PDB file of N, CA and C in Angstrom:
ATOM      1  N   UNK A   1     -11.663 -30.739  40.053  1.00  0.00           N
ATOM      2  CA  UNK A   1     -10.561 -30.994  40.930  1.00  0.00           C
ATOM      3  C   UNK A   1      -9.405 -30.078  40.541  1.00  0.00           C
ATOM      4  N   UNK A   2      -8.782 -29.474  41.507  1.00  0.00           N
ATOM      5  CA  UNK A   2      -7.586 -28.661  41.285  1.00  0.00           C
ATOM      6  C   UNK A   2      -6.435 -29.303  42.026  1.00  0.00           C
ATOM      7  N   UNK A   3      -5.320 -29.445  41.326  1.00  0.00           N
ATOM      8  CA  UNK A   3      -4.158 -30.051  41.956  1.00  0.00           C
ATOM      9  C   UNK A   3      -3.086 -29.015  42.256  1.00  0.00           C
ATOM     10  N   UNK A   4      -2.860 -28.090  41.328  1.00  0.00           N
ATOM     11  CA  UNK A   4      -1.849 -27.072  41.561  1.00  0.00           C
ATOM     12  C   UNK A   4      -2.498 -25.766  41.980  1.00  0.00           C
ATOM     13  N   UNK A   5      -1.663 -24.911  42.555  1.00  0.00           N
ATOM     14  CA  UNK A   5      -2.146 -23.597  42.961  1.00  0.00           C
ATOM     15  C   UNK A   5      -1.179 -22.563  42.420  1.00  0.00           C
ATOM     16  N   UNK A   6      -1.713 -21.452  41.927  1.00  0.00           N
ATOM     17  CA  UNK A   6      -0.882 -20.379  41.387  1.00  0.00           C
ATOM     18  C   UNK A   6      -1.025 -19.135  42.256  1.00  0.00           C
ATOM     19  N   UNK A   7      -0.202 -18.138  41.942  1.00  0.00           N
ATOM     20  CA  UNK A   7      -0.277 -16.882  42.682  1.00  0.00           C
ATOM     21  C   UNK A   7      -1.518 -16.103  42.246  1.00  0.00           C
ATOM     22  N   UNK A   8      -1.695 -14.921  42.784  1.00  0.00           N
ATOM     23  CA  UNK A   8      -2.893 -14.123  42.504  1.00  0.00           C
ATOM     24  C   UNK A   8      -3.015 -13.719  41.040  1.00  0.00           C
ATOM     25  N   UNK A   9      -1.900 -13.591  40.343  1.00  0.00           N
ATOM     26  CA  UNK A   9      -1.921 -13.219  38.928  1.00  0.00           C
ATOM     27  C   UNK A   9      -1.948 -14.437  38.004  1.00  0.00           C
ATOM     28  N   UNK A  10      -1.957 -15.631  38.573  1.00  0.00           N
ATOM     29  CA  UNK A  10      -1.957 -16.887  37.812  1.00  0.00           C
ATOM     30  C   UNK A  10      -0.744 -16.997  36.895  1.00  0.00           C
ATOM     31  N   UNK A  11       0.376 -16.502  37.374  1.00  0.00           N
ATOM     32  CA  UNK A  11       1.590 -16.516  36.564  1.00  0.00           C
ATOM     33  C   UNK A  11       2.598 -17.544  37.070  1.00  0.00           C
ATOM     34  N   UNK A  12       2.786 -17.647  38.361  1.00  0.00           N
ATOM     35  CA  UNK A  12       3.753 -18.568  38.945  1.00  0.00           C
ATOM     36  C   UNK A  12       3.047 -19.672  39.725  1.00  0.00           C
ATOM     37  N   UNK A  13       3.594 -20.878  39.644  1.00  0.00           N
ATOM     38  CA  UNK A  13       3.044 -22.001  40.397  1.00  0.00           C
ATOM     39  C   UNK A  13       3.535 -21.905  41.832  1.00  0.00           C
ATOM     40  N   UNK A  14       2.607 -21.944  42.777  1.00  0.00           N
ATOM     41  CA  UNK A  14       2.938 -21.811  44.185  1.00  0.00           C
ATOM     42  C   UNK A  14       3.014 -23.186  44.851  1.00  0.00           C
ATOM     43  N   UNK A  15       2.145 -24.089  44.436  1.00  0.00           N
ATOM     44  CA  UNK A  15       2.032 -25.388  45.105  1.00  0.00           C
ATOM     45  C   UNK A  15       1.852 -26.489  44.078  1.00  0.00           C
ATOM     46  N   UNK A  16       2.549 -27.610  44.243  1.00  0.00           N
ATOM     47  CA  UNK A  16       2.444 -28.809  43.407  1.00  0.00           C
ATOM     48  C   UNK A  16       2.707 -28.553  41.918  1.00  0.00           C
ATOM     49  N   UNK A  17       3.916 -28.166  41.552  1.00  0.00           N
ATOM     50  CA  UNK A  17       4.201 -27.962  40.123  1.00  0.00           C
ATOM     51  C   UNK A  17       4.225 -29.296  39.372  1.00  0.00           C
ATOM     52  N   UNK A  18       3.713 -29.297  38.160  1.00  0.00           N
ATOM     53  CA  UNK A  18       3.695 -30.484  37.301  1.00  0.00           C
ATOM     54  C   UNK A  18       4.237 -30.066  35.941  1.00  0.00           C
ATOM     55  N   UNK A  19       5.275 -30.759  35.487  1.00  0.00           N
ATOM     56  CA  UNK A  19       5.858 -30.433  34.186  1.00  0.00           C
ATOM     57  C   UNK A  19       5.101 -31.161  33.083  1.00  0.00           C
ATOM     58  N   UNK A  20       5.398 -30.808  31.851  1.00  0.00           N
ATOM     59  CA  UNK A  20       4.778 -31.484  30.713  1.00  0.00           C
ATOM     60  C   UNK A  20       5.189 -32.950  30.676  1.00  0.00           C
ATOM     61  N   UNK A  21       6.414 -33.256  31.084  1.00  0.00           N
ATOM     62  CA  UNK A  21       6.875 -34.639  31.129  1.00  0.00           C
ATOM     63  C   UNK A  21       6.083 -35.443  32.165  1.00  0.00           C
ATOM     64  N   UNK A  22       5.809 -34.833  33.304  1.00  0.00           N
ATOM     65  CA  UNK A  22       4.998 -35.501  34.328  1.00  0.00           C
ATOM     66  C   UNK A  22       3.586 -35.755  33.815  1.00  0.00           C
ATOM     67  N   UNK A  23       3.034 -34.782  33.116  1.00  0.00           N
ATOM     68  CA  UNK A  23       1.694 -34.923  32.559  1.00  0.00           C
ATOM     69  C   UNK A  23       1.657 -36.063  31.543  1.00  0.00           C
ATOM     70  N   UNK A  24       2.655 -36.128  30.657  1.00  0.00           N
ATOM     71  CA  UNK A  24       2.708 -37.192  29.658  1.00  0.00           C
ATOM     72  C   UNK A  24       2.891 -38.560  30.313  1.00  0.00           C
ATOM     73  N   UNK A  25       3.734 -38.634  31.331  1.00  0.00           N
ATOM     74  CA  UNK A  25       3.941 -39.903  32.033  1.00  0.00           C
ATOM     75  C   UNK A  25       2.658 -40.364  32.709  1.00  0.00           C
ATOM     76  N   UNK A  26       1.894 -39.434  33.267  1.00  0.00           N
ATOM     77  CA  UNK A  26       0.636 -39.777  33.925  1.00  0.00           C
ATOM     78  C   UNK A  26      -0.394 -40.269  32.912  1.00  0.00           C
ATOM     79  N   UNK A  27      -0.502 -39.601  31.779  1.00  0.00           N
ATOM     80  CA  UNK A  27      -1.438 -40.016  30.728  1.00  0.00           C
ATOM     81  C   UNK A  27      -1.070 -41.409  30.207  1.00  0.00           C
ATOM     82  N   UNK A  28       0.228 -41.647  29.963  1.00  0.00           N
ATOM     83  CA  UNK A  28       0.657 -42.966  29.493  1.00  0.00           C
ATOM     84  C   UNK A  28       0.369 -44.039  30.542  1.00  0.00           C
ATOM     85  N   UNK A  29       0.543 -43.705  31.803  1.00  0.00           N
ATOM     86  CA  UNK A  29       0.232 -44.652  32.884  1.00  0.00           C
ATOM     87  C   UNK A  29      -1.256 -45.002  32.872  1.00  0.00           C
ATOM     88  N   UNK A  30      -2.113 -44.013  32.656  1.00  0.00           N
ATOM     89  CA  UNK A  30      -3.553 -44.262  32.607  1.00  0.00           C
ATOM     90  C   UNK A  30      -3.940 -45.105  31.398  1.00  0.00           C
ATOM     91  N   UNK A  31      -3.160 -45.019  30.319  1.00  0.00           N
ATOM     92  CA  UNK A  31      -3.408 -45.836  29.136  1.00  0.00           C
ATOM     93  C   UNK A  31      -2.823 -47.239  29.268  1.00  0.00           C
ATOM     94  N   UNK A  32      -2.096 -47.490  30.361  1.00  0.00           N
ATOM     95  CA  UNK A  32      -1.520 -48.806  30.578  1.00  0.00           C
ATOM     96  C   UNK A  32      -0.170 -48.996  29.913  1.00  0.00           C
ATOM     97  N   UNK A  33       0.504 -47.898  29.573  1.00  0.00           N
ATOM     98  CA  UNK A  33       1.804 -47.952  28.902  1.00  0.00           C
ATOM     99  C   UNK A  33       2.879 -47.511  29.883  1.00  0.00           C
ATOM    100  N   UNK A  34       3.956 -48.281  29.976  1.00  0.00           N
ATOM    101  CA  UNK A  34       5.073 -47.917  30.835  1.00  0.00           C
ATOM    102  C   UNK A  34       5.898 -46.849  30.133  1.00  0.00           C
ATOM    103  N   UNK A  35       5.911 -45.645  30.669  1.00  0.00           N
ATOM    104  CA  UNK A  35       6.581 -44.526  30.003  1.00  0.00           C
ATOM    105  C   UNK A  35       8.096 -44.676  29.992  1.00  0.00           C
ATOM    106  N   UNK A  36       8.654 -45.517  30.857  1.00  0.00           N
ATOM    107  CA  UNK A  36      10.106 -45.711  30.861  1.00  0.00           C
ATOM    108  C   UNK A  36      10.557 -46.665  29.772  1.00  0.00           C
ATOM    109  N   UNK A  37       9.648 -47.459  29.236  1.00  0.00           N
ATOM    110  CA  UNK A  37      10.000 -48.425  28.196  1.00  0.00           C
ATOM    111  C   UNK A  37       9.540 -47.993  26.804  1.00  0.00           C
ATOM    112  N   UNK A  38       8.696 -46.979  26.712  1.00  0.00           N
ATOM    113  CA  UNK A  38       8.191 -46.515  25.425  1.00  0.00           C
ATOM    114  C   UNK A  38       9.275 -45.700  24.718  1.00  0.00           C
ATOM    115  N   UNK A  39       9.762 -46.195  23.599  1.00  0.00           N
ATOM    116  CA  UNK A  39      10.791 -45.479  22.834  1.00  0.00           C
ATOM    117  C   UNK A  39      10.376 -45.407  21.371  1.00  0.00           C
ATOM    118  N   UNK A  40      10.928 -44.445  20.671  1.00  0.00           N
ATOM    119  CA  UNK A  40      10.756 -44.334  19.227  1.00  0.00           C
ATOM    120  C   UNK A  40      12.108 -43.985  18.628  1.00  0.00           C
ATOM    121  N   UNK A  41      12.295 -44.350  17.381  1.00  0.00           N
ATOM    122  CA  UNK A  41      13.577 -44.101  16.728  1.00  0.00           C
ATOM    123  C   UNK A  41      13.498 -42.823  15.903  1.00  0.00           C
ATOM    124  N   UNK A  42      14.518 -41.985  16.069  1.00  0.00           N
ATOM    125  CA  UNK A  42      14.623 -40.760  15.296  1.00  0.00           C
ATOM    126  C   UNK A  42      16.085 -40.596  14.910  1.00  0.00           C
ATOM    127  N   UNK A  43      16.355 -40.542  13.621  1.00  0.00           N
ATOM    128  CA  UNK A  43      17.706 -40.440  13.079  1.00  0.00           C
ATOM    129  C   UNK A  43      18.610 -41.547  13.607  1.00  0.00           C
ATOM    130  N   UNK A  44      18.057 -42.759  13.712  1.00  0.00           N
ATOM    131  CA  UNK A  44      18.820 -43.919  14.109  1.00  0.00           C
ATOM    132  C   UNK A  44      19.080 -44.056  15.593  1.00  0.00           C
ATOM    133  N   UNK A  45      18.494 -43.197  16.392  1.00  0.00           N
ATOM    134  CA  UNK A  45      18.735 -43.237  17.833  1.00  0.00           C
ATOM    135  C   UNK A  45      17.397 -43.388  18.555  1.00  0.00           C
ATOM    136  N   UNK A  46      17.327 -44.246  19.578  1.00  0.00           N
ATOM    137  CA  UNK A  46      16.069 -44.375  20.328  1.00  0.00           C
ATOM    138  C   UNK A  46      15.862 -43.193  21.278  1.00  0.00           C
ATOM    139  N   UNK A  47      14.650 -42.665  21.307  1.00  0.00           N
ATOM    140  CA  UNK A  47      14.281 -41.563  22.191  1.00  0.00           C
ATOM    141  C   UNK A  47      13.087 -41.978  23.027  1.00  0.00           C
ATOM    142  N   UNK A  48      12.975 -41.401  24.220  1.00  0.00           N
ATOM    143  CA  UNK A  48      11.808 -41.601  25.065  1.00  0.00           C
ATOM    144  C   UNK A  48      10.954 -40.346  25.035  1.00  0.00           C
ATOM    145  N   UNK A  49       9.653 -40.518  25.104  1.00  0.00           N
ATOM    146  CA  UNK A  49       8.737 -39.386  25.111  1.00  0.00           C
ATOM    147  C   UNK A  49       8.904 -38.545  26.364  1.00  0.00           C
ATOM    148  N   UNK A  50       9.162 -39.188  27.484  1.00  0.00           N
ATOM    149  CA  UNK A  50       9.276 -38.463  28.751  1.00  0.00           C
ATOM    150  C   UNK A  50      10.722 -38.208  29.152  1.00  0.00           C
ATOM    151  N   UNK A  51      11.670 -38.446  28.256  1.00  0.00           N
ATOM    152  CA  UNK A  51      13.107 -38.250  28.476  1.00  0.00           C
ATOM    153  C   UNK A  51      13.495 -38.876  29.820  1.00  0.00           C
ATOM    154  N   UNK A  52      14.091 -38.142  30.717  1.00  0.00           N
ATOM    155  CA  UNK A  52      14.441 -38.674  32.037  1.00  0.00           C
ATOM    156  C   UNK A  52      13.726 -37.909  33.138  1.00  0.00           C
ATOM    157  N   UNK A  53      12.838 -36.987  32.761  1.00  0.00           N
ATOM    158  CA  UNK A  53      12.210 -36.096  33.740  1.00  0.00           C
ATOM    159  C   UNK A  53      10.836 -36.566  34.205  1.00  0.00           C
ATOM    160  N   UNK A  54      10.187 -37.393  33.443  1.00  0.00           N
ATOM    161  CA  UNK A  54       8.790 -37.707  33.733  1.00  0.00           C
ATOM    162  C   UNK A  54       8.582 -38.616  34.922  1.00  0.00           C
ATOM    163  N   UNK A  55       7.657 -38.237  35.776  1.00  0.00           N
ATOM    164  CA  UNK A  55       7.223 -39.036  36.912  1.00  0.00           C
ATOM    165  C   UNK A  55       5.699 -39.065  36.919  1.00  0.00           C
ATOM    166  N   UNK A  56       5.124 -40.201  37.248  1.00  0.00           N
ATOM    167  CA  UNK A  56       3.671 -40.306  37.339  1.00  0.00           C
ATOM    168  C   UNK A  56       3.201 -39.528  38.569  1.00  0.00           C
ATOM    169  N   UNK A  57       2.207 -38.671  38.381  1.00  0.00           N
ATOM    170  CA  UNK A  57       1.661 -37.857  39.476  1.00  0.00           C
ATOM    171  C   UNK A  57       0.560 -38.685  40.136  1.00  0.00           C
ATOM    172  N   UNK A  58       0.925 -39.400  41.191  1.00  0.00           N
ATOM    173  CA  UNK A  58       0.006 -40.318  41.865  1.00  0.00           C
ATOM    174  C   UNK A  58      -1.184 -39.630  42.546  1.00  0.00           C
ATOM    175  N   UNK A  59      -1.030 -38.441  43.149  1.00  0.00           N
ATOM    176  CA  UNK A  59      -2.172 -37.842  43.857  1.00  0.00           C
ATOM    177  C   UNK A  59      -3.371 -37.495  42.981  1.00  0.00           C
ATOM    178  N   UNK A  60      -3.185 -37.353  41.663  1.00  0.00           N
ATOM    179  CA  UNK A  60      -4.326 -37.015  40.812  1.00  0.00           C
ATOM    180  C   UNK A  60      -5.066 -38.246  40.320  1.00  0.00           C
ATOM    181  N   UNK A  61      -4.505 -39.430  40.562  1.00  0.00           N
ATOM    182  CA  UNK A  61      -5.167 -40.655  40.134  1.00  0.00           C
ATOM    183  C   UNK A  61      -6.204 -41.069  41.157  1.00  0.00           C
ATOM    184  N   UNK A  62      -7.367 -41.445  40.664  1.00  0.00           N
ATOM    185  CA  UNK A  62      -8.432 -41.841  41.587  1.00  0.00           C
ATOM    186  C   UNK A  62      -8.795 -43.286  41.401  1.00  0.00           C
TER     187      UNK A  62
END
């Protein structure tokens, strides 16, 4: 299955770009973990793995 499409040189995304945050949010969703609630502490401050950019890519889920 192919979801994104690139140009002829495979350098630029032409259709359906997916960021690393989107990919991580989708993987966490498949594992049954809510990516908006998953936090870890670093230097006394809570951080999220997907920061504020991650969105679950619904079209790739079957």
